[in-house]
Amino acid sequence: EQLSEAVGFSVAGVTGLPFIPEKVTYWSYWDDLAQVEYEGEGQSAMFRQSEGTEDNSGDYNEYACVKESLVGDLQVTLKGETEQYTLAIWTDGESSYSIAIEAGLSEEAWTVLIESIH
């Protein structure tokens, strides 16, 4: 709730991570970017949400595998190596979202994860 107040919009929650978070850290950048870091079971994930439709991941690396995937009615860009994707970026037309996961996930696992965001 405090993060939503800090950035001025309702920040979504991520419930479908492939690990159980033991530590969750909330950040507000420039009063318009929400970042939530999840750590647990030796793994980590970073979720970002901002208003608008621009890529908010902050990740400008080159990836061997880049794939467009449909999750419901969302067009999601997955990036990673050898079909194990570590980054997902998408927009719903009003807000932009990204999730970076240290351990790569398959396209199917990303679908489950993105569908868990509410």
N, C-alpha and C. Protein backbone atom coordinates (compact mmCIF):
# COMPACT_ATOMS: atom_id res chain seq x y z
N GLU A 1 0.82 -1.20 0.00
CA GLU A 1 0.00 0.00 0.00
C GLU A 1 0.86 1.26 0.00
N GLN A 2 1.95 1.24 0.79
CA GLN A 2 2.82 2.41 0.85
C GLN A 2 3.50 2.66 -0.49
N LEU A 3 3.89 1.58 -1.18
CA LEU A 3 4.52 1.74 -2.49
C LEU A 3 3.52 2.33 -3.48
N SER A 4 2.30 1.87 -3.47
CA SER A 4 1.27 2.42 -4.36
C SER A 4 1.06 3.90 -4.09
N GLU A 5 1.06 4.29 -2.82
CA GLU A 5 0.92 5.70 -2.46
C GLU A 5 2.11 6.50 -2.95
N ALA A 6 3.32 5.94 -2.84
CA ALA A 6 4.53 6.65 -3.23
C ALA A 6 4.59 6.92 -4.73
N VAL A 7 4.10 5.96 -5.54
CA VAL A 7 4.19 6.12 -7.00
C VAL A 7 2.91 6.67 -7.62
N GLY A 8 1.82 6.70 -6.88
CA GLY A 8 0.59 7.30 -7.37
C GLY A 8 -0.29 6.39 -8.21
N PHE A 9 -0.06 5.09 -8.19
CA PHE A 9 -0.93 4.14 -8.88
C PHE A 9 -0.90 2.82 -8.12
N SER A 10 -1.88 1.97 -8.39
CA SER A 10 -1.98 0.70 -7.70
C SER A 10 -0.94 -0.28 -8.25
N VAL A 11 -0.04 -0.73 -7.39
CA VAL A 11 1.02 -1.64 -7.79
C VAL A 11 0.51 -3.08 -7.68
N ALA A 12 0.71 -3.84 -8.75
CA ALA A 12 0.25 -5.23 -8.79
C ALA A 12 1.08 -6.10 -7.86
N GLY A 13 0.52 -7.24 -7.51
CA GLY A 13 1.23 -8.22 -6.69
C GLY A 13 1.58 -9.44 -7.53
N VAL A 14 2.71 -10.05 -7.24
CA VAL A 14 3.16 -11.25 -7.95
C VAL A 14 3.04 -12.42 -6.99
N THR A 15 2.24 -13.41 -7.35
CA THR A 15 2.05 -14.55 -6.45
C THR A 15 2.55 -15.87 -7.02
N GLY A 16 2.90 -15.93 -8.28
CA GLY A 16 3.26 -17.20 -8.91
C GLY A 16 4.73 -17.43 -9.11
N LEU A 17 5.57 -16.87 -8.27
CA LEU A 17 7.01 -17.07 -8.42
C LEU A 17 7.37 -18.55 -8.26
N PRO A 18 8.43 -19.00 -8.93
CA PRO A 18 8.82 -20.41 -8.85
C PRO A 18 9.62 -20.75 -7.58
N PHE A 19 9.55 -19.88 -6.61
CA PHE A 19 10.19 -20.10 -5.31
C PHE A 19 9.39 -19.36 -4.26
N ILE A 20 9.62 -19.70 -3.00
CA ILE A 20 8.91 -19.04 -1.90
C ILE A 20 9.76 -17.86 -1.43
N PRO A 21 9.24 -16.64 -1.58
CA PRO A 21 10.01 -15.46 -1.15
C PRO A 21 10.18 -15.44 0.38
N GLU A 22 11.42 -15.25 0.79
CA GLU A 22 11.74 -15.12 2.21
C GLU A 22 11.98 -13.66 2.58
N LYS A 23 12.32 -12.86 1.56
CA LYS A 23 12.56 -11.44 1.76
C LYS A 23 11.97 -10.68 0.58
N VAL A 24 11.19 -9.64 0.86
CA VAL A 24 10.60 -8.80 -0.17
C VAL A 24 10.98 -7.35 0.14
N THR A 25 11.54 -6.66 -0.86
CA THR A 25 11.96 -5.28 -0.70
C THR A 25 11.22 -4.41 -1.70
N TYR A 26 10.68 -3.29 -1.24
CA TYR A 26 9.88 -2.40 -2.07
C TYR A 26 10.66 -1.11 -2.31
N TRP A 27 10.66 -0.65 -3.58
CA TRP A 27 11.38 0.57 -3.95
C TRP A 27 10.48 1.45 -4.82
N SER A 28 10.65 2.75 -4.65
CA SER A 28 10.01 3.73 -5.53
C SER A 28 11.13 4.57 -6.13
N TYR A 29 11.17 4.63 -7.47
CA TYR A 29 12.17 5.44 -8.15
C TYR A 29 11.48 6.58 -8.88
N TRP A 30 11.97 7.78 -8.66
CA TRP A 30 11.49 8.99 -9.33
C TRP A 30 9.98 9.19 -9.15
N ASP A 31 9.40 8.60 -8.12
CA ASP A 31 7.97 8.72 -7.83
C ASP A 31 7.07 8.20 -8.94
N ASP A 32 7.63 7.43 -9.90
CA ASP A 32 6.77 6.91 -10.97
C ASP A 32 7.15 5.49 -11.41
N LEU A 33 8.10 4.87 -10.72
CA LEU A 33 8.48 3.49 -11.03
C LEU A 33 8.48 2.68 -9.74
N ALA A 34 7.66 1.64 -9.72
CA ALA A 34 7.60 0.74 -8.55
C ALA A 34 8.48 -0.48 -8.84
N GLN A 35 9.29 -0.85 -7.88
CA GLN A 35 10.13 -2.04 -8.01
C GLN A 35 9.98 -2.89 -6.76
N VAL A 36 9.75 -4.18 -6.97
CA VAL A 36 9.63 -5.12 -5.86
C VAL A 36 10.64 -6.24 -6.10
N GLU A 37 11.53 -6.43 -5.13
CA GLU A 37 12.55 -7.47 -5.24
C GLU A 37 12.18 -8.62 -4.31
N TYR A 38 12.22 -9.82 -4.86
CA TYR A 38 11.88 -11.04 -4.11
C TYR A 38 13.13 -11.91 -4.01
N GLU A 39 13.40 -12.43 -2.80
CA GLU A 39 14.53 -13.33 -2.60
C GLU A 39 14.09 -14.50 -1.75
N GLY A 40 14.57 -15.70 -2.11
CA GLY A 40 14.25 -16.89 -1.34
C GLY A 40 14.77 -18.14 -2.01
N GLU A 41 15.07 -19.13 -1.23
CA GLU A 41 15.53 -20.42 -1.71
C GLU A 41 16.71 -20.28 -2.68
N GLY A 42 17.58 -19.32 -2.43
CA GLY A 42 18.75 -19.10 -3.27
C GLY A 42 18.43 -18.47 -4.61
N GLN A 43 17.22 -17.96 -4.80
CA GLN A 43 16.80 -17.35 -6.06
C GLN A 43 16.34 -15.92 -5.82
N SER A 44 16.25 -15.17 -6.91
CA SER A 44 15.75 -13.80 -6.80
C SER A 44 14.97 -13.43 -8.06
N ALA A 45 14.08 -12.45 -7.88
CA ALA A 45 13.28 -11.91 -8.98
C ALA A 45 13.04 -10.44 -8.72
N MET A 46 12.92 -9.66 -9.80
CA MET A 46 12.65 -8.24 -9.67
C MET A 46 11.47 -7.89 -10.57
N PHE A 47 10.41 -7.34 -9.97
CA PHE A 47 9.21 -6.92 -10.68
C PHE A 47 9.20 -5.41 -10.74
N ARG A 48 8.91 -4.86 -11.91
CA ARG A 48 8.79 -3.41 -12.06
C ARG A 48 7.47 -3.07 -12.72
N GLN A 49 6.89 -1.95 -12.29
CA GLN A 49 5.65 -1.45 -12.88
C GLN A 49 5.73 0.06 -12.94
N SER A 50 5.29 0.63 -14.05
CA SER A 50 5.24 2.08 -14.20
C SER A 50 4.09 2.43 -15.13
N GLU A 51 3.66 3.68 -15.09
CA GLU A 51 2.62 4.13 -16.00
C GLU A 51 3.23 4.35 -17.37
N GLY A 52 2.44 4.20 -18.41
CA GLY A 52 2.93 4.37 -19.77
C GLY A 52 3.21 3.03 -20.42
N THR A 53 3.79 3.08 -21.62
CA THR A 53 3.99 1.85 -22.40
C THR A 53 5.45 1.57 -22.73
N GLU A 54 6.37 2.31 -22.15
CA GLU A 54 7.79 2.12 -22.43
C GLU A 54 8.38 0.97 -21.62
N ASP A 55 9.42 0.33 -22.16
CA ASP A 55 10.17 -0.71 -21.47
C ASP A 55 10.75 -0.12 -20.18
N ASN A 56 10.39 -0.68 -19.04
CA ASN A 56 10.87 -0.15 -17.76
C ASN A 56 11.86 -1.10 -17.08
N SER A 57 12.33 -2.11 -17.80
CA SER A 57 13.19 -3.13 -17.19
C SER A 57 14.56 -2.61 -16.79
N GLY A 58 15.06 -1.59 -17.49
CA GLY A 58 16.41 -1.11 -17.21
C GLY A 58 17.48 -2.08 -17.70
N ASP A 59 17.08 -3.11 -18.43
CA ASP A 59 17.99 -4.15 -18.93
C ASP A 59 18.16 -3.97 -20.43
N TYR A 60 19.36 -3.58 -20.84
CA TYR A 60 19.61 -3.32 -22.26
C TYR A 60 20.65 -4.29 -22.82
N ASN A 61 20.74 -5.46 -22.19
CA ASN A 61 21.67 -6.49 -22.66
C ASN A 61 21.15 -7.12 -23.95
N GLU A 62 22.07 -7.71 -24.71
CA GLU A 62 21.72 -8.49 -25.90
C GLU A 62 21.45 -9.91 -25.44
N TYR A 63 20.39 -10.53 -25.95
CA TYR A 63 20.03 -11.89 -25.58
C TYR A 63 20.00 -12.77 -26.82
N ALA A 64 20.44 -14.01 -26.67
CA ALA A 64 20.45 -14.97 -27.78
C ALA A 64 19.03 -15.32 -28.22
N CYS A 65 18.11 -15.42 -27.27
CA CYS A 65 16.72 -15.77 -27.58
C CYS A 65 15.80 -14.61 -27.19
N VAL A 66 15.05 -14.12 -28.15
CA VAL A 66 14.02 -13.12 -27.90
C VAL A 66 12.76 -13.64 -28.57
N LYS A 67 11.68 -13.73 -27.81
CA LYS A 67 10.45 -14.31 -28.33
C LYS A 67 9.26 -13.48 -27.91
N GLU A 68 8.34 -13.27 -28.84
CA GLU A 68 7.06 -12.64 -28.54
C GLU A 68 6.09 -13.76 -28.17
N SER A 69 5.40 -13.61 -27.07
CA SER A 69 4.49 -14.63 -26.58
C SER A 69 3.17 -13.98 -26.17
N LEU A 70 2.07 -14.66 -26.42
CA LEU A 70 0.77 -14.15 -26.03
C LEU A 70 0.36 -14.79 -24.71
N VAL A 71 0.09 -13.95 -23.71
CA VAL A 71 -0.40 -14.42 -22.41
C VAL A 71 -1.75 -13.76 -22.21
N GLY A 72 -2.81 -14.53 -22.39
CA GLY A 72 -4.14 -13.93 -22.41
C GLY A 72 -4.21 -13.00 -23.60
N ASP A 73 -4.52 -11.72 -23.36
CA ASP A 73 -4.51 -10.75 -24.45
C ASP A 73 -3.29 -9.83 -24.40
N LEU A 74 -2.28 -10.21 -23.62
CA LEU A 74 -1.06 -9.42 -23.49
C LEU A 74 0.03 -9.94 -24.41
N GLN A 75 0.68 -9.03 -25.14
CA GLN A 75 1.83 -9.38 -25.95
C GLN A 75 3.07 -9.20 -25.07
N VAL A 76 3.76 -10.30 -24.76
CA VAL A 76 4.90 -10.30 -23.84
C VAL A 76 6.18 -10.60 -24.62
N THR A 77 7.22 -9.83 -24.35
CA THR A 77 8.53 -10.11 -24.93
C THR A 77 9.35 -10.85 -23.90
N LEU A 78 9.80 -12.06 -24.25
CA LEU A 78 10.66 -12.86 -23.38
C LEU A 78 12.08 -12.80 -23.92
N LYS A 79 13.05 -12.67 -23.01
CA LYS A 79 14.46 -12.62 -23.41
C LYS A 79 15.26 -13.56 -22.54
N GLY A 80 16.21 -14.26 -23.17
CA GLY A 80 17.05 -15.18 -22.41
C GLY A 80 18.00 -15.94 -23.29
N GLU A 81 18.37 -17.10 -22.83
CA GLU A 81 19.32 -17.97 -23.53
C GLU A 81 18.71 -19.35 -23.72
N THR A 82 18.86 -19.95 -24.86
CA THR A 82 18.43 -21.32 -25.16
C THR A 82 17.07 -21.68 -24.58
N GLU A 83 16.09 -20.86 -24.87
CA GLU A 83 14.70 -21.07 -24.47
C GLU A 83 14.48 -21.10 -22.95
N GLN A 84 15.44 -20.60 -22.20
CA GLN A 84 15.26 -20.35 -20.77
C GLN A 84 15.34 -18.84 -20.62
N TYR A 85 14.19 -18.23 -20.41
CA TYR A 85 14.08 -16.77 -20.43
C TYR A 85 14.23 -16.19 -19.03
N THR A 86 15.01 -15.12 -18.94
CA THR A 86 15.25 -14.48 -17.64
C THR A 86 14.57 -13.12 -17.52
N LEU A 87 13.95 -12.64 -18.59
CA LEU A 87 13.33 -11.32 -18.58
C LEU A 87 12.03 -11.35 -19.38
N ALA A 88 10.99 -10.76 -18.82
CA ALA A 88 9.72 -10.59 -19.52
C ALA A 88 9.33 -9.12 -19.44
N ILE A 89 8.86 -8.57 -20.57
CA ILE A 89 8.47 -7.16 -20.66
C ILE A 89 7.14 -7.09 -21.38
N TRP A 90 6.18 -6.30 -20.84
CA TRP A 90 4.90 -6.14 -21.51
C TRP A 90 4.20 -4.88 -21.03
N THR A 91 3.13 -4.53 -21.74
CA THR A 91 2.28 -3.40 -21.36
C THR A 91 0.83 -3.81 -21.55
N ASP A 92 -0.04 -3.22 -20.76
CA ASP A 92 -1.48 -3.45 -20.93
C ASP A 92 -2.13 -2.24 -21.60
N GLY A 93 -1.30 -1.33 -22.12
CA GLY A 93 -1.79 -0.12 -22.76
C GLY A 93 -1.83 1.09 -21.85
N GLU A 94 -1.85 0.85 -20.54
CA GLU A 94 -1.83 1.94 -19.56
C GLU A 94 -0.58 1.91 -18.70
N SER A 95 -0.15 0.69 -18.35
CA SER A 95 1.03 0.51 -17.51
C SER A 95 2.01 -0.43 -18.19
N SER A 96 3.29 -0.29 -17.83
CA SER A 96 4.34 -1.18 -18.32
C SER A 96 4.79 -2.05 -17.17
N TYR A 97 5.18 -3.29 -17.50
CA TYR A 97 5.60 -4.25 -16.51
C TYR A 97 6.85 -4.96 -16.99
N SER A 98 7.67 -5.40 -16.04
CA SER A 98 8.80 -6.27 -16.37
C SER A 98 9.12 -7.12 -15.15
N ILE A 99 9.58 -8.31 -15.44
CA ILE A 99 10.07 -9.20 -14.39
C ILE A 99 11.38 -9.79 -14.87
N ALA A 100 12.39 -9.71 -14.02
CA ALA A 100 13.67 -10.35 -14.28
C ALA A 100 13.85 -11.43 -13.22
N ILE A 101 14.18 -12.63 -13.68
CA ILE A 101 14.38 -13.76 -12.77
C ILE A 101 15.77 -14.32 -13.02
N GLU A 102 16.53 -14.44 -11.97
CA GLU A 102 17.90 -14.91 -12.06
C GLU A 102 18.00 -16.27 -12.77
N ALA A 103 17.19 -17.23 -12.34
CA ALA A 103 17.17 -18.55 -12.97
C ALA A 103 16.16 -18.49 -14.11
N GLY A 104 16.54 -18.92 -15.29
CA GLY A 104 15.65 -18.85 -16.44
C GLY A 104 14.42 -19.74 -16.30
N LEU A 105 13.35 -19.34 -16.98
CA LEU A 105 12.10 -20.09 -16.99
C LEU A 105 11.71 -20.39 -18.43
N SER A 106 10.97 -21.46 -18.61
CA SER A 106 10.43 -21.80 -19.93
C SER A 106 9.30 -20.83 -20.27
N GLU A 107 8.90 -20.82 -21.53
CA GLU A 107 7.78 -19.98 -21.94
C GLU A 107 6.51 -20.34 -21.17
N GLU A 108 6.29 -21.62 -20.95
CA GLU A 108 5.09 -22.07 -20.22
C GLU A 108 5.12 -21.57 -18.77
N ALA A 109 6.28 -21.63 -18.13
CA ALA A 109 6.40 -21.15 -16.74
C ALA A 109 6.18 -19.64 -16.67
N TRP A 110 6.65 -18.91 -17.68
CA TRP A 110 6.41 -17.47 -17.72
C TRP A 110 4.92 -17.18 -17.83
N THR A 111 4.21 -17.95 -18.63
CA THR A 111 2.77 -17.75 -18.78
C THR A 111 2.08 -17.87 -17.43
N VAL A 112 2.41 -18.90 -16.68
CA VAL A 112 1.82 -19.10 -15.35
C VAL A 112 2.17 -17.93 -14.43
N LEU A 113 3.43 -17.51 -14.45
CA LEU A 113 3.87 -16.41 -13.59
C LEU A 113 3.14 -15.11 -13.93
N ILE A 114 3.07 -14.75 -15.21
CA ILE A 114 2.44 -13.50 -15.62
C ILE A 114 0.94 -13.53 -15.31
N GLU A 115 0.31 -14.69 -15.49
CA GLU A 115 -1.11 -14.80 -15.16
C GLU A 115 -1.37 -14.65 -13.66
N SER A 116 -0.34 -14.82 -12.82
CA SER A 116 -0.52 -14.71 -11.36
C SER A 116 -0.46 -13.26 -10.88
N ILE A 117 -0.14 -12.34 -11.75
CA ILE A 117 0.00 -10.94 -11.35
C ILE A 117 -1.37 -10.30 -11.30
N HIS A 118 -1.65 -9.66 -10.18
CA HIS A 118 -2.97 -9.03 -9.99
C HIS A 118 -2.82 -7.69 -9.31
